[in-house]
Structure formats: C-alpha cells, structure tokens
Amino acid sequence: MIWCVVPAAGRGQRFGAVIPKQYAPLVGVPMLIRTLDRLISHPRVAGLMVALADADELWPDLHELEGKPVHTCVGGVERADSVLSALDALASLCDADDWVMVHDAARPCVRHHDIDLLLEQGMAHPHGAILAAPIRDSVKRGSAGAAITESLDRSMLWRALTPQLFRYGVLRNALRAALSDSAVRPRITDEASAIELQGGQPLLVQGADDNIKVTSLHDLALAEFILTSPS
C-alpha cells in the first residue's frame, strides 16, 4: 500500500480568483476534494497526507475518505517545502524503503489506469518514476523580444505530470539536501528534479494527456468537461 502526499498550501496567484485555486468549485465540489477522491479511491493508496497553508480556514476538516485516513500538516512557502513537510509528518507511518507518491492538488483528472502503470513500472525501477506526456507541438526558443532564435528537437522532450513515485527515504533526503542549498533551491520544480540532483534518473511513464494541471479559469472549465464526459 502507498501513501500519497498532496501539497495544497499555495495561493494560485495566476488563477485569478479570490480564493486559492484548490478550493475553486469543480462539478459542485472544491477541486482539492475532487483530487483527493480520485487518489483515495485507488485500491493501492493507503492514505493521504495533505500539506495546507498555515491557518487554512477553507479546509473542511476531513479525517478520512473511502474509509482511509486523511492527515494534514502545515506546508511551506514553495511546493518543495510543503512536500518535505508532508514527508516529515509521515515519519511514523513510513519506512525508508516504502514507496510514496506525490500528486498536485490541481490535477483532479488523473486516471486510475495511469496510477496502475506508474506503480507497476516505477516500483521496478531503481530511481522511481513519474507520469509524463511526450511533447507533441513544435518547440521554439525565443529571445527577450519574443523572436524565435531556435527550433528545438522535441523527440526527447516530455511534460512532467503527477503523481511522481519514489522511495520515502530517498525522496525525503533528496529534498532536504536540495532545500538546504540556496543555489540549488530554485531548480527544484518537482520531486524528480531533487532526485536528479542526487544522481538519480527516474523513469518516464507515459500518462494521459487529459491529466491536466488547473492554472487558469479556462483550465477549470476544461477539467469539468473531462470529469463529466463519458469515459
């Protein structure tokens, strides 16, 4: 069984709403709850650790979903700080060699089939794995004035998605080391980047393109369409 960490302490400044985006209504329920429901209903997920903003007044004080435990902790300024805080809070529930998943609060459309693939392939890989999607569009490098300076080869480029799956001890130590170095900290954009800085090479597991991250009101409308469309 796998514990899943969900960093949900951000404000979502780009979202353009008066409340943090994780609480925006999605098919009548806060998006965060939609995401948690999708994760906790997977049979391999043992429970959730949700990192919340200090004094979060919108959290509905959940302690369980689907009969499984939902724990909370106080997150940090950046995503990586929140993930490390959640991992620290799981110290009494996880051994160093246990596997943990980290999933974005703003990805409510993740499919159980993709989680199955991530667990099957990632647990067989020494450095863990992430869900990812190949880049299909042409990719350009631009100048400061937005003029194209180069067309890049997209054949080896992927978009990082979540969940991301790693050994509990390995991820906790990698994040702790990265966040203690002010020169390295800005490069920690996801959990895989922390593992990479320790010499790891996590596996890319192809996931569905509709595992979108909601960053705008347009994305929220798209997520609602995805969730209400026939499978």
C-alpha atoms as a PDB file:
ATOM      1  CA  MET A   1       0.000   0.000   0.000  1.00  0.00           C
ATOM      2  CA  ILE A   2       1.188   3.508  -0.901  1.00  0.00           C
ATOM      3  CA  TRP A   3       0.865   6.787   0.988  1.00  0.00           C
ATOM      4  CA  CYS A   4       0.187   9.797  -1.195  1.00  0.00           C
ATOM      5  CA  VAL A   5       1.373  13.335  -0.453  1.00  0.00           C
ATOM      6  CA  VAL A   6      -0.664  16.265  -1.782  1.00  0.00           C
ATOM      7  CA  PRO A   7       0.902  19.752  -1.487  1.00  0.00           C
ATOM      8  CA  ALA A   8      -2.010  22.203  -1.176  1.00  0.00           C
ATOM      9  CA  ALA A   9      -0.553  25.239   0.587  1.00  0.00           C
ATOM     10  CA  GLY A  10      -0.266  27.529  -2.460  1.00  0.00           C
ATOM     11  CA  ARG A  11      -2.356  30.549  -3.328  1.00  0.00           C
ATOM     12  CA  GLY A  12      -2.503  30.005  -7.113  1.00  0.00           C
ATOM     13  CA  GLN A  13      -1.723  33.630  -7.996  1.00  0.00           C
ATOM     14  CA  ARG A  14      -2.160  33.026 -11.743  1.00  0.00           C
ATOM     15  CA  PHE A  15      -5.636  31.584 -11.266  1.00  0.00           C
ATOM     16  CA  GLY A  16      -7.348  34.947 -10.912  1.00  0.00           C
ATOM     17  CA  ALA A  17      -9.890  34.133  -8.188  1.00  0.00           C
ATOM     18  CA  VAL A  18     -10.488  35.465  -4.685  1.00  0.00           C
ATOM     19  CA  ILE A  19      -9.935  32.052  -3.082  1.00  0.00           C
ATOM     20  CA  PRO A  20      -6.973  29.699  -3.505  1.00  0.00           C
ATOM     21  CA  LYS A  21      -7.463  27.702  -6.677  1.00  0.00           C
ATOM     22  CA  GLN A  22      -7.506  24.344  -4.881  1.00  0.00           C
ATOM     23  CA  TYR A  23     -10.846  25.366  -3.356  1.00  0.00           C
ATOM     24  CA  ALA A  24     -12.441  26.536  -6.600  1.00  0.00           C
ATOM     25  CA  PRO A  25     -15.696  24.626  -7.197  1.00  0.00           C
ATOM     26  CA  LEU A  26     -15.377  21.765  -9.679  1.00  0.00           C
ATOM     27  CA  VAL A  27     -18.606  19.930 -10.530  1.00  0.00           C
ATOM     28  CA  GLY A  28     -20.061  21.279  -7.294  1.00  0.00           C
ATOM     29  CA  VAL A  29     -17.179  20.262  -5.015  1.00  0.00           C
ATOM     30  CA  PRO A  30     -13.880  22.029  -4.197  1.00  0.00           C
ATOM     31  CA  MET A  31     -11.198  20.941  -6.672  1.00  0.00           C
ATOM     32  CA  LEU A  32      -8.952  19.706  -3.854  1.00  0.00           C
ATOM     33  CA  ILE A  33     -11.632  17.284  -2.699  1.00  0.00           C
ATOM     34  CA  ARG A  34     -12.122  16.043  -6.271  1.00  0.00           C
ATOM     35  CA  THR A  35      -8.384  15.338  -6.428  1.00  0.00           C
ATOM     36  CA  LEU A  36      -8.319  13.599  -3.048  1.00  0.00           C
ATOM     37  CA  ASP A  37     -11.333  11.469  -4.003  1.00  0.00           C
ATOM     38  CA  ARG A  38      -9.606  10.381  -7.206  1.00  0.00           C
ATOM     39  CA  LEU A  39      -6.474   9.356  -5.297  1.00  0.00           C
ATOM     40  CA  ILE A  40      -8.006   7.726  -2.215  1.00  0.00           C
ATOM     41  CA  SER A  41     -10.351   5.581  -4.304  1.00  0.00           C
ATOM     42  CA  HIS A  42      -7.380   3.800  -5.890  1.00  0.00           C
ATOM     43  CA  PRO A  43      -7.061   0.390  -4.193  1.00  0.00           C
ATOM     44  CA  ARG A  44      -3.273   0.698  -3.715  1.00  0.00           C
ATOM     45  CA  VAL A  45      -3.451   4.039  -1.868  1.00  0.00           C
ATOM     46  CA  ALA A  46      -3.324   3.552   1.927  1.00  0.00           C
ATOM     47  CA  GLY A  47      -3.951   7.161   2.904  1.00  0.00           C
ATOM     48  CA  LEU A  48      -3.238  10.818   2.214  1.00  0.00           C
ATOM     49  CA  MET A  49      -1.025  13.481   3.782  1.00  0.00           C
ATOM     50  CA  VAL A  50      -2.218  16.928   2.686  1.00  0.00           C
ATOM     51  CA  ALA A  51       0.071  19.934   3.242  1.00  0.00           C
ATOM     52  CA  LEU A  52      -2.076  23.004   3.899  1.00  0.00           C
ATOM     53  CA  ALA A  53      -1.337  26.684   4.335  1.00  0.00           C
ATOM     54  CA  ASP A  54      -0.972  27.835   7.926  1.00  0.00           C
ATOM     55  CA  ALA A  55      -4.398  28.839   9.307  1.00  0.00           C
ATOM     56  CA  ASP A  56      -6.215  27.480   6.246  1.00  0.00           C
ATOM     57  CA  GLU A  57      -9.853  28.288   7.003  1.00  0.00           C
ATOM     58  CA  LEU A  58     -11.278  26.588   3.909  1.00  0.00           C
ATOM     59  CA  TRP A  59     -10.133  23.046   4.652  1.00  0.00           C
ATOM     60  CA  PRO A  60     -13.268  21.022   5.524  1.00  0.00           C
ATOM     61  CA  ASP A  61     -11.557  19.190   8.419  1.00  0.00           C
ATOM     62  CA  LEU A  62     -11.631  15.802   6.725  1.00  0.00           C
ATOM     63  CA  HIS A  63     -10.077  12.905   8.599  1.00  0.00           C
ATOM     64  CA  GLU A  64     -10.993  10.095   6.251  1.00  0.00           C
ATOM     65  CA  LEU A  65     -12.320   9.356   2.775  1.00  0.00           C
ATOM     66  CA  GLU A  66     -13.441   5.975   1.460  1.00  0.00           C
ATOM     67  CA  GLY A  67     -12.678   4.616   4.939  1.00  0.00           C
ATOM     68  CA  LYS A  68      -8.982   5.556   4.598  1.00  0.00           C
ATOM     69  CA  PRO A  69      -7.071   8.111   6.701  1.00  0.00           C
ATOM     70  CA  VAL A  70      -6.580  11.706   5.590  1.00  0.00           C
ATOM     71  CA  HIS A  71      -3.906  13.530   7.597  1.00  0.00           C
ATOM     72  CA  THR A  72      -2.823  17.152   7.304  1.00  0.00           C
ATOM     73  CA  CYS A  73       0.285  19.151   8.087  1.00  0.00           C
ATOM     74  CA  VAL A  74       1.366  22.756   7.623  1.00  0.00           C
ATOM     75  CA  GLY A  75       3.074  23.324   4.289  1.00  0.00           C
ATOM     76  CA  GLY A  76       5.746  25.823   3.325  1.00  0.00           C
ATOM     77  CA  VAL A  77       6.408  28.773   1.056  1.00  0.00           C
ATOM     78  CA  GLU A  78       7.239  26.668  -2.009  1.00  0.00           C
ATOM     79  CA  ARG A  79       5.892  23.367  -3.259  1.00  0.00           C
ATOM     80  CA  ALA A  80       9.080  21.520  -2.300  1.00  0.00           C
ATOM     81  CA  ASP A  81       8.867  22.879   1.249  1.00  0.00           C
ATOM     82  CA  SER A  82       5.312  21.555   1.514  1.00  0.00           C
ATOM     83  CA  VAL A  83       6.275  18.128   0.184  1.00  0.00           C
ATOM     84  CA  LEU A  84       9.160  17.855   2.646  1.00  0.00           C
ATOM     85  CA  SER A  85       6.887  18.937   5.490  1.00  0.00           C
ATOM     86  CA  ALA A  86       4.410  16.210   4.491  1.00  0.00           C
ATOM     87  CA  LEU A  87       7.157  13.595   4.301  1.00  0.00           C
ATOM     88  CA  ASP A  88       8.387  14.620   7.748  1.00  0.00           C
ATOM     89  CA  ALA A  89       4.825  14.237   9.045  1.00  0.00           C
ATOM     90  CA  LEU A  90       4.728  10.694   7.626  1.00  0.00           C
ATOM     91  CA  ALA A  91       7.871   9.637   9.503  1.00  0.00           C
ATOM     92  CA  SER A  92       5.982   7.399  11.952  1.00  0.00           C
ATOM     93  CA  LEU A  93       3.945   5.786   9.175  1.00  0.00           C
ATOM     94  CA  CYS A  94       6.591   5.091   6.517  1.00  0.00           C
ATOM     95  CA  ASP A  95       9.859   3.169   6.490  1.00  0.00           C
ATOM     96  CA  ALA A  96      12.769   4.431   4.400  1.00  0.00           C
ATOM     97  CA  ASP A  97      12.201   1.771   1.716  1.00  0.00           C
ATOM     98  CA  ASP A  98       8.448   2.329   1.419  1.00  0.00           C
ATOM     99  CA  TRP A  99       7.135   3.924  -1.754  1.00  0.00           C
ATOM    100  CA  VAL A 100       5.300   7.256  -1.675  1.00  0.00           C
ATOM    101  CA  MET A 101       3.511   9.189  -4.407  1.00  0.00           C
ATOM    102  CA  VAL A 102       3.315  12.973  -4.678  1.00  0.00           C
ATOM    103  CA  HIS A 103       0.402  14.457  -6.603  1.00  0.00           C
ATOM    104  CA  ASP A 104      -0.612  18.026  -7.458  1.00  0.00           C
ATOM    105  CA  ALA A 105      -3.741  19.298  -5.720  1.00  0.00           C
ATOM    106  CA  ALA A 106      -4.677  20.943  -9.045  1.00  0.00           C
ATOM    107  CA  ARG A 107      -4.661  17.710 -11.101  1.00  0.00           C
ATOM    108  CA  PRO A 108      -8.163  16.354 -10.442  1.00  0.00           C
ATOM    109  CA  CYS A 109      -8.410  14.278 -13.634  1.00  0.00           C
ATOM    110  CA  VAL A 110      -5.683  11.679 -13.049  1.00  0.00           C
ATOM    111  CA  ARG A 111      -6.784   8.220 -14.162  1.00  0.00           C
ATOM    112  CA  HIS A 112      -6.512   5.064 -12.060  1.00  0.00           C
ATOM    113  CA  HIS A 113      -5.108   3.280 -15.102  1.00  0.00           C
ATOM    114  CA  ASP A 114      -2.205   5.717 -15.180  1.00  0.00           C
ATOM    115  CA  ILE A 115      -1.561   5.221 -11.465  1.00  0.00           C
ATOM    116  CA  ASP A 116      -1.505   1.466 -12.135  1.00  0.00           C
ATOM    117  CA  LEU A 117       1.131   1.957 -14.836  1.00  0.00           C
ATOM    118  CA  LEU A 118       3.186   4.258 -12.613  1.00  0.00           C
ATOM    119  CA  LEU A 119       3.221   1.756  -9.760  1.00  0.00           C
ATOM    120  CA  GLU A 120       3.917  -1.238 -11.976  1.00  0.00           C
ATOM    121  CA  GLN A 121       6.813   0.359 -13.845  1.00  0.00           C
ATOM    122  CA  GLY A 122       8.110   2.723 -11.174  1.00  0.00           C
ATOM    123  CA  MET A 123       8.429   0.143  -8.417  1.00  0.00           C
ATOM    124  CA  ALA A 124      10.546  -1.962 -10.753  1.00  0.00           C
ATOM    125  CA  HIS A 125      12.952   0.923 -11.428  1.00  0.00           C
ATOM    126  CA  PRO A 126      15.785   1.749  -9.011  1.00  0.00           C
ATOM    127  CA  HIS A 127      15.171   5.513  -9.086  1.00  0.00           C
ATOM    128  CA  GLY A 128      11.372   5.640  -9.120  1.00  0.00           C
ATOM    129  CA  ALA A 129       9.224   7.153 -11.849  1.00  0.00           C
ATOM    130  CA  ILE A 130       6.917   9.989 -12.853  1.00  0.00           C
ATOM    131  CA  LEU A 131       3.896  10.207 -15.084  1.00  0.00           C
ATOM    132  CA  ALA A 132       4.775  12.260 -18.160  1.00  0.00           C
ATOM    133  CA  ALA A 133       3.479  13.091 -21.624  1.00  0.00           C
ATOM    134  CA  PRO A 134       5.553  13.452 -24.801  1.00  0.00           C
ATOM    135  CA  ILE A 135       5.621  16.977 -26.215  1.00  0.00           C
ATOM    136  CA  ARG A 136       3.689  16.916 -29.485  1.00  0.00           C
ATOM    137  CA  ASP A 137       3.865  20.579 -30.530  1.00  0.00           C
ATOM    138  CA  SER A 138       6.804  22.232 -32.228  1.00  0.00           C
ATOM    139  CA  VAL A 139       9.074  23.777 -29.587  1.00  0.00           C
ATOM    140  CA  LYS A 140      10.771  27.155 -30.090  1.00  0.00           C
ATOM    141  CA  ARG A 141      13.391  29.028 -28.130  1.00  0.00           C
ATOM    142  CA  GLY A 142      12.640  32.756 -28.011  1.00  0.00           C
ATOM    143  CA  SER A 143      14.670  35.878 -27.405  1.00  0.00           C
ATOM    144  CA  ALA A 144      13.844  38.546 -24.827  1.00  0.00           C
ATOM    145  CA  GLY A 145      11.861  40.275 -27.560  1.00  0.00           C
ATOM    146  CA  ALA A 146       9.879  37.095 -28.319  1.00  0.00           C
ATOM    147  CA  ALA A 147      11.585  36.463 -31.654  1.00  0.00           C
ATOM    148  CA  ILE A 148      12.341  32.814 -32.451  1.00  0.00           C
ATOM    149  CA  THR A 149      16.028  32.055 -32.047  1.00  0.00           C
ATOM    150  CA  GLU A 150      15.919  28.277 -32.431  1.00  0.00           C
ATOM    151  CA  SER A 151      13.620  25.350 -33.170  1.00  0.00           C
ATOM    152  CA  LEU A 152      14.276  22.522 -30.703  1.00  0.00           C
ATOM    153  CA  ASP A 153      14.196  18.787 -31.280  1.00  0.00           C
ATOM    154  CA  ARG A 154      11.054  17.630 -29.446  1.00  0.00           C
ATOM    155  CA  SER A 155      11.662  13.895 -29.931  1.00  0.00           C
ATOM    156  CA  MET A 156      13.256  13.525 -26.481  1.00  0.00           C
ATOM    157  CA  LEU A 157      11.159  16.119 -24.629  1.00  0.00           C
ATOM    158  CA  TRP A 158       8.372  15.304 -22.153  1.00  0.00           C
ATOM    159  CA  ARG A 159       5.966  17.259 -19.949  1.00  0.00           C
ATOM    160  CA  ALA A 160       6.280  16.200 -16.318  1.00  0.00           C
ATOM    161  CA  LEU A 161       2.943  15.223 -14.753  1.00  0.00           C
ATOM    162  CA  THR A 162       1.998  13.770 -11.392  1.00  0.00           C
ATOM    163  CA  PRO A 163       1.815  11.513  -9.456  1.00  0.00           C
ATOM    164  CA  GLN A 164       5.556  11.050  -9.023  1.00  0.00           C
ATOM    165  CA  LEU A 165       6.718   7.896  -7.222  1.00  0.00           C
ATOM    166  CA  PHE A 166       9.858   7.426  -5.124  1.00  0.00           C
ATOM    167  CA  ARG A 167      11.186   5.586  -2.097  1.00  0.00           C
ATOM    168  CA  TYR A 168      10.210   7.518   1.017  1.00  0.00           C
ATOM    169  CA  GLY A 169      13.720   7.818   2.442  1.00  0.00           C
ATOM    170  CA  VAL A 170      15.349   8.655  -0.871  1.00  0.00           C
ATOM    171  CA  LEU A 171      12.905  11.459  -1.662  1.00  0.00           C
ATOM    172  CA  ARG A 172      12.971  12.901   1.853  1.00  0.00           C
ATOM    173  CA  ASN A 173      16.763  13.034   1.899  1.00  0.00           C
ATOM    174  CA  ALA A 174      16.971  14.440  -1.634  1.00  0.00           C
ATOM    175  CA  LEU A 175      14.545  17.259  -0.844  1.00  0.00           C
ATOM    176  CA  ARG A 176      16.237  18.044   2.448  1.00  0.00           C
ATOM    177  CA  ALA A 177      19.632  18.297   0.736  1.00  0.00           C
ATOM    178  CA  ALA A 178      18.338  20.410  -2.147  1.00  0.00           C
ATOM    179  CA  LEU A 179      16.380  22.841   0.009  1.00  0.00           C
ATOM    180  CA  SER A 180      19.350  23.438   2.298  1.00  0.00           C
ATOM    181  CA  ASP A 181      21.380  24.792  -0.642  1.00  0.00           C
ATOM    182  CA  SER A 182      20.256  28.281  -1.682  1.00  0.00           C
ATOM    183  CA  ALA A 183      21.949  27.909  -5.073  1.00  0.00           C
ATOM    184  CA  VAL A 184      20.083  24.685  -5.834  1.00  0.00           C
ATOM    185  CA  ARG A 185      16.670  25.513  -4.329  1.00  0.00           C
ATOM    186  CA  PRO A 186      15.305  27.385  -7.421  1.00  0.00           C
ATOM    187  CA  ARG A 187      15.926  24.292  -9.567  1.00  0.00           C
ATOM    188  CA  ILE A 188      13.550  22.109  -7.538  1.00  0.00           C
ATOM    189  CA  THR A 189      10.455  22.403  -9.699  1.00  0.00           C
ATOM    190  CA  ASP A 190       9.187  18.908  -8.907  1.00  0.00           C
ATOM    191  CA  GLU A 191      10.232  15.857  -6.899  1.00  0.00           C
ATOM    192  CA  ALA A 192      12.077  14.275  -9.822  1.00  0.00           C
ATOM    193  CA  SER A 193      14.388  17.297 -10.057  1.00  0.00           C
ATOM    194  CA  ALA A 194      15.509  16.722  -6.467  1.00  0.00           C
ATOM    195  CA  ILE A 195      16.222  13.064  -7.234  1.00  0.00           C
ATOM    196  CA  GLU A 196      18.129  14.061 -10.379  1.00  0.00           C
ATOM    197  CA  LEU A 197      20.384  16.379  -8.374  1.00  0.00           C
ATOM    198  CA  GLN A 198      21.395  13.340  -6.317  1.00  0.00           C
ATOM    199  CA  GLY A 199      22.375  11.472  -9.484  1.00  0.00           C
ATOM    200  CA  GLY A 200      19.111   9.582  -9.971  1.00  0.00           C
ATOM    201  CA  GLN A 201      17.419   9.012 -13.303  1.00  0.00           C
ATOM    202  CA  PRO A 202      13.702   8.416 -12.677  1.00  0.00           C
ATOM    203  CA  LEU A 203      11.678   6.586 -15.305  1.00  0.00           C
ATOM    204  CA  LEU A 204       9.215   8.414 -17.556  1.00  0.00           C
ATOM    205  CA  VAL A 205       5.865   6.591 -17.630  1.00  0.00           C
ATOM    206  CA  GLN A 206       3.545   7.845 -20.339  1.00  0.00           C
ATOM    207  CA  GLY A 207       0.260   9.093 -18.937  1.00  0.00           C
ATOM    208  CA  ALA A 208      -2.928  10.508 -20.410  1.00  0.00           C
ATOM    209  CA  ASP A 209      -2.846  13.995 -21.916  1.00  0.00           C
ATOM    210  CA  ASP A 210      -6.023  14.916 -20.038  1.00  0.00           C
ATOM    211  CA  ASN A 211      -4.240  14.710 -16.671  1.00  0.00           C
ATOM    212  CA  ILE A 212      -4.205  18.490 -16.796  1.00  0.00           C
ATOM    213  CA  LYS A 213      -2.973  20.934 -14.159  1.00  0.00           C
ATOM    214  CA  VAL A 214      -5.518  23.652 -13.455  1.00  0.00           C
ATOM    215  CA  THR A 215      -3.763  27.024 -13.519  1.00  0.00           C
ATOM    216  CA  SER A 216      -6.492  29.233 -15.009  1.00  0.00           C
ATOM    217  CA  LEU A 217     -10.269  29.530 -15.134  1.00  0.00           C
ATOM    218  CA  HIS A 218     -10.131  28.100 -18.659  1.00  0.00           C
ATOM    219  CA  ASP A 219      -8.353  25.016 -17.268  1.00  0.00           C
ATOM    220  CA  LEU A 220     -11.055  24.686 -14.617  1.00  0.00           C
ATOM    221  CA  ALA A 221     -13.743  24.611 -17.320  1.00  0.00           C
ATOM    222  CA  LEU A 222     -11.724  22.005 -19.233  1.00  0.00           C
ATOM    223  CA  ALA A 223     -11.361  19.869 -16.103  1.00  0.00           C
ATOM    224  CA  GLU A 224     -15.130  19.999 -15.566  1.00  0.00           C
ATOM    225  CA  PHE A 225     -15.655  18.880 -19.164  1.00  0.00           C
ATOM    226  CA  ILE A 226     -13.217  15.983 -18.700  1.00  0.00           C
ATOM    227  CA  LEU A 227     -14.803  14.846 -15.440  1.00  0.00           C
ATOM    228  CA  THR A 228     -18.377  14.983 -16.760  1.00  0.00           C
ATOM    229  CA  SER A 229     -17.681  13.392 -20.149  1.00  0.00           C
ATOM    230  CA  PRO A 230     -18.438   9.678 -20.651  1.00  0.00           C
ATOM    231  CA  SER A 231     -15.341   7.532 -20.115  1.00  0.00           C
END
